[in-house]
Amino acid sequence: MISVVIADDQTMVRQSFRAVLDAQADMRVVGEAADGTAAVELCAELEPDVVLMDVRMPELDGLEATRRIVAGRQEIRVLILTTFDIDEYVFGGLRAGASGFLLKDAPLDDLVTAVRVVAAGNALFAPTITKRLIGEFVRTNASAHAGRSRLAELTARETDVLRLVARGLSNAEIAEALVIAEQTAKSHVSRVFAKLGVRDRAQAVMVAYEVGLIVPGNAT
């Protein structure tokens, strides 16, 4: 059972999301918050699997709330929901520890899928929130060379795996691309995460862009 907290300052949005998620056999909404501060407090109390986090909220915005929630318990996955397709939110959310992003006007079926995806430890990006946006933001706001040392401990094969993770490939697709068993690909991914000190694919994508392993605007 996936436990979910919904953090949004609009009552109708919270009610709509709750109705959809509670209707799923594998999900249960355990709490709601109308501002960022309440979201942080609720997550500390309830320790949900997934938080649906609005970006713009009173008292404490969604990005800072995300940072505090993840700092308190890294096992909690945050899915940021926003009406604004803005690259700064994407990169700021990744830095804060978010595992995915979805626009509020996406179909409700996509919301259900998104919760399952991030609960499983994977990264999720709305189709319009692309890696190109992340890459462009990193290009103009971070030094690729400064972070190159983060790759020093990776083997050549692990570096290839990180590159494929940053392109959005699943373990099965990585296995196919490298002509290895899926379990071997999974083991490589786990070792890459451990060596880089990241907890999931979303953070691995950020590292790949920061160090210049993936060239902005050329992630495919």
Protein backbone atom coordinates (compact mmCIF):
# COMPACT_ATOMS: atom_id res chain seq x y z
CA MET A 1 0.00 0.00 0.00
CA ILE A 2 1.44 3.38 -1.07
CA SER A 3 0.75 6.07 1.53
CA VAL A 4 0.37 9.59 0.16
CA VAL A 5 0.27 13.11 1.57
CA ILE A 6 -1.21 15.86 -0.61
CA ALA A 7 0.20 19.38 -0.13
CA ASP A 8 -1.70 22.07 -2.05
CA ASP A 9 -3.28 25.35 -0.97
CA GLN A 10 -6.40 24.74 -3.07
CA THR A 11 -9.04 22.65 -1.32
CA MET A 12 -10.66 21.51 -4.57
CA VAL A 13 -7.34 20.29 -5.93
CA ARG A 14 -6.65 18.28 -2.78
CA GLN A 15 -10.13 16.77 -2.83
CA SER A 16 -9.88 15.87 -6.51
CA PHE A 17 -6.51 14.19 -6.11
CA ARG A 18 -7.63 12.41 -2.96
CA ALA A 19 -10.71 10.96 -4.65
CA VAL A 20 -8.63 9.58 -7.51
CA LEU A 21 -5.85 8.12 -5.36
CA ASP A 22 -8.12 6.65 -2.68
CA ALA A 23 -9.97 4.82 -5.45
CA GLN A 24 -6.80 2.84 -6.23
CA ALA A 25 -6.42 -0.53 -4.57
CA ASP A 26 -2.74 0.07 -3.83
CA MET A 27 -2.91 3.67 -2.55
CA ARG A 28 -4.14 5.52 0.51
CA VAL A 29 -4.11 9.25 1.17
CA VAL A 30 -3.05 9.60 4.81
CA GLY A 31 -3.05 13.38 5.10
CA GLU A 32 -3.51 16.80 3.50
CA ALA A 33 -1.68 20.09 3.98
CA ALA A 34 -2.67 23.56 2.78
CA ASP A 35 0.79 25.15 3.14
CA GLY A 36 4.44 24.17 3.09
CA THR A 37 5.00 24.35 6.81
CA ALA A 38 2.06 22.05 7.50
CA ALA A 39 3.34 19.66 4.82
CA VAL A 40 6.72 19.36 6.54
CA GLU A 41 5.12 18.76 9.93
CA LEU A 42 2.66 16.23 8.52
CA CYS A 43 5.39 14.25 6.78
CA ALA A 44 7.48 14.15 9.96
CA GLU A 45 4.46 12.71 11.76
CA LEU A 46 3.05 10.33 9.15
CA GLU A 47 6.19 9.37 7.15
CA PRO A 48 4.31 8.76 3.87
CA ASP A 49 5.81 7.00 0.87
CA VAL A 50 4.96 9.83 -1.54
CA VAL A 51 4.15 13.53 -1.20
CA LEU A 52 2.27 15.42 -3.93
CA MET A 53 3.77 18.87 -3.56
CA ASP A 54 2.48 22.12 -5.03
CA VAL A 55 5.21 24.65 -5.83
CA ARG A 56 3.48 27.87 -4.85
CA MET A 57 2.06 27.69 -1.34
CA PRO A 58 1.75 30.13 1.58
CA GLU A 59 4.18 30.28 4.52
CA LEU A 60 6.71 27.95 2.87
CA ASP A 61 7.00 27.25 -0.85
CA GLY A 62 6.99 23.73 -2.22
CA LEU A 63 10.70 23.65 -3.06
CA GLU A 64 11.82 24.55 0.45
CA ALA A 65 9.22 22.21 1.92
CA THR A 66 10.61 19.45 -0.29
CA ARG A 67 14.15 20.14 0.88
CA ARG A 68 13.13 19.92 4.54
CA ILE A 69 11.05 16.77 4.06
CA VAL A 70 13.81 14.91 2.22
CA ALA A 71 16.44 16.11 4.71
CA GLY A 72 14.34 14.65 7.50
CA ARG A 73 13.66 11.34 5.83
CA GLN A 74 15.23 10.44 2.50
CA GLU A 75 12.88 7.50 1.96
CA ILE A 76 9.99 9.91 1.29
CA ARG A 77 9.53 10.55 -2.43
CA VAL A 78 8.28 13.97 -3.48
CA LEU A 79 6.34 14.46 -6.71
CA ILE A 80 6.08 18.14 -7.53
CA LEU A 81 2.86 19.28 -9.16
CA THR A 82 2.77 22.68 -10.80
CA THR A 83 0.82 24.74 -13.30
CA PHE A 84 4.06 26.41 -14.31
CA ASP A 85 6.35 24.69 -16.81
CA ILE A 86 9.45 26.60 -15.69
CA ASP A 87 12.97 25.22 -15.84
CA GLU A 88 14.00 26.90 -12.57
CA TYR A 89 11.33 24.93 -10.72
CA VAL A 90 12.61 21.72 -12.27
CA PHE A 91 16.24 22.19 -11.31
CA GLY A 92 15.38 23.75 -7.96
CA GLY A 93 13.15 20.78 -7.24
CA LEU A 94 15.86 18.31 -8.16
CA ARG A 95 18.31 20.09 -5.90
CA ALA A 96 15.74 19.96 -3.12
CA GLY A 97 15.41 16.20 -3.56
CA ALA A 98 12.24 15.80 -5.64
CA SER A 99 11.84 12.54 -7.53
CA GLY A 100 9.50 13.79 -10.24
CA PHE A 101 7.49 16.58 -11.79
CA LEU A 102 4.02 16.61 -13.28
CA LEU A 103 1.87 19.45 -14.56
CA LYS A 104 -1.46 19.87 -12.80
CA ASP A 105 -3.38 19.74 -16.06
CA ALA A 106 -2.06 16.27 -16.88
CA PRO A 107 -4.72 13.50 -17.10
CA LEU A 108 -5.59 12.00 -13.71
CA ASP A 109 -4.47 8.59 -14.97
CA ASP A 110 -1.01 10.11 -15.39
CA LEU A 111 -1.11 11.23 -11.77
CA VAL A 112 -1.82 7.69 -10.59
CA THR A 113 1.00 6.34 -12.73
CA ALA A 114 3.35 9.05 -11.48
CA VAL A 115 2.73 8.15 -7.85
CA ARG A 116 3.55 4.51 -8.56
CA VAL A 117 6.67 5.43 -10.52
CA VAL A 118 8.23 7.64 -7.83
CA ALA A 119 7.14 5.27 -5.05
CA ALA A 120 9.19 2.59 -6.80
CA GLY A 121 12.26 4.82 -6.66
CA ASN A 122 12.25 5.98 -10.26
CA ALA A 123 12.37 9.51 -11.66
CA LEU A 124 9.44 10.95 -13.54
CA PHE A 125 9.17 14.03 -15.74
CA ALA A 126 6.12 15.37 -17.53
CA PRO A 127 6.56 15.27 -21.33
CA THR A 128 6.93 19.05 -21.47
CA ILE A 129 9.40 19.11 -18.57
CA THR A 130 12.27 17.67 -20.54
CA LYS A 131 15.89 16.88 -19.85
CA ARG A 132 16.72 19.69 -22.28
CA LEU A 133 15.31 22.19 -19.80
CA ILE A 134 17.33 20.67 -16.99
CA GLY A 135 20.43 20.67 -19.13
CA GLU A 136 20.01 24.27 -20.20
CA PHE A 137 19.51 25.42 -16.63
CA VAL A 138 22.62 23.56 -15.50
CA ARG A 139 24.61 24.98 -18.42
CA THR A 140 23.87 28.54 -17.35
CA ASN A 141 23.99 28.04 -13.60
CA ALA A 142 26.66 25.47 -12.78
CA SER A 143 30.21 24.59 -13.72
CA ALA A 144 30.46 21.20 -15.40
CA HIS A 145 34.18 20.92 -14.76
CA ALA A 146 33.89 21.60 -11.05
CA GLY A 147 31.95 18.39 -10.50
CA ARG A 148 34.02 16.06 -12.68
CA SER A 149 35.70 14.54 -9.64
CA ARG A 150 32.35 12.96 -8.73
CA LEU A 151 32.86 10.53 -11.60
CA ALA A 152 36.37 9.52 -10.56
CA GLU A 153 35.24 6.40 -8.68
CA LEU A 154 33.07 5.09 -11.51
CA THR A 155 34.37 2.41 -13.85
CA ALA A 156 34.02 2.91 -17.60
CA ARG A 157 30.99 0.62 -17.63
CA GLU A 158 29.39 2.45 -14.70
CA THR A 159 29.93 5.75 -16.50
CA ASP A 160 28.12 4.30 -19.51
CA VAL A 161 25.30 3.21 -17.22
CA LEU A 162 25.01 6.69 -15.71
CA ARG A 163 24.83 8.19 -19.19
CA LEU A 164 21.97 5.85 -20.08
CA VAL A 165 20.17 6.56 -16.80
CA ALA A 166 20.41 10.27 -17.61
CA ARG A 167 18.81 9.58 -20.99
CA GLY A 168 15.83 8.11 -19.16
CA LEU A 169 16.41 4.41 -19.85
CA SER A 170 15.00 1.76 -17.53
CA ASN A 171 17.11 -1.13 -16.23
CA ALA A 172 15.72 -3.38 -18.95
CA GLU A 173 16.57 -0.83 -21.65
CA ILE A 174 20.06 -0.34 -20.23
CA ALA A 175 20.57 -4.10 -20.32
CA GLU A 176 19.51 -4.20 -23.96
CA ALA A 177 21.72 -1.26 -24.91
CA LEU A 178 24.81 -2.75 -23.23
CA VAL A 179 23.97 -6.37 -24.11
CA ILE A 180 23.99 -7.54 -20.51
CA ALA A 181 21.49 -9.24 -18.21
CA GLU A 182 18.84 -7.02 -16.62
CA GLN A 183 19.96 -8.07 -13.13
CA THR A 184 23.52 -7.03 -14.05
CA ALA A 185 22.22 -3.66 -15.23
CA LYS A 186 20.31 -3.25 -11.96
CA SER A 187 23.49 -4.02 -9.99
CA HIS A 188 25.45 -1.46 -12.03
CA VAL A 189 22.79 1.18 -11.39
CA SER A 190 22.84 0.48 -7.64
CA ARG A 191 26.63 0.79 -7.53
CA VAL A 192 26.52 4.06 -9.48
CA PHE A 193 24.01 5.49 -7.01
CA ALA A 194 26.13 4.38 -4.06
CA LYS A 195 29.36 5.83 -5.46
CA LEU A 196 27.74 9.14 -6.36
CA GLY A 197 25.86 9.36 -3.08
CA VAL A 198 22.48 9.77 -4.77
CA ARG A 199 19.26 8.08 -3.76
CA ASP A 200 17.40 7.73 -7.06
CA ARG A 201 17.34 8.33 -10.80
CA ALA A 202 16.27 11.96 -10.47
CA GLN A 203 19.40 12.86 -8.53
CA ALA A 204 21.56 10.78 -10.88
CA VAL A 205 20.19 12.78 -13.84
CA MET A 206 21.14 16.00 -12.09
CA VAL A 207 24.69 14.78 -11.46
CA ALA A 208 25.10 13.69 -15.09
CA TYR A 209 24.20 17.18 -16.27
CA GLU A 210 26.22 18.98 -13.62
CA VAL A 211 29.43 17.18 -14.50
CA GLY A 212 28.89 17.55 -18.23
CA LEU A 213 28.45 13.84 -18.91
CA ILE A 214 25.30 14.76 -20.81
CA VAL A 215 25.53 17.77 -23.10
CA PRO A 216 22.64 20.21 -22.63
CA GLY A 217 20.14 19.94 -25.46
CA ASN A 218 21.61 16.61 -26.63
CA ALA A 219 20.35 14.02 -24.16
CA THR A 220 19.09 11.51 -26.72
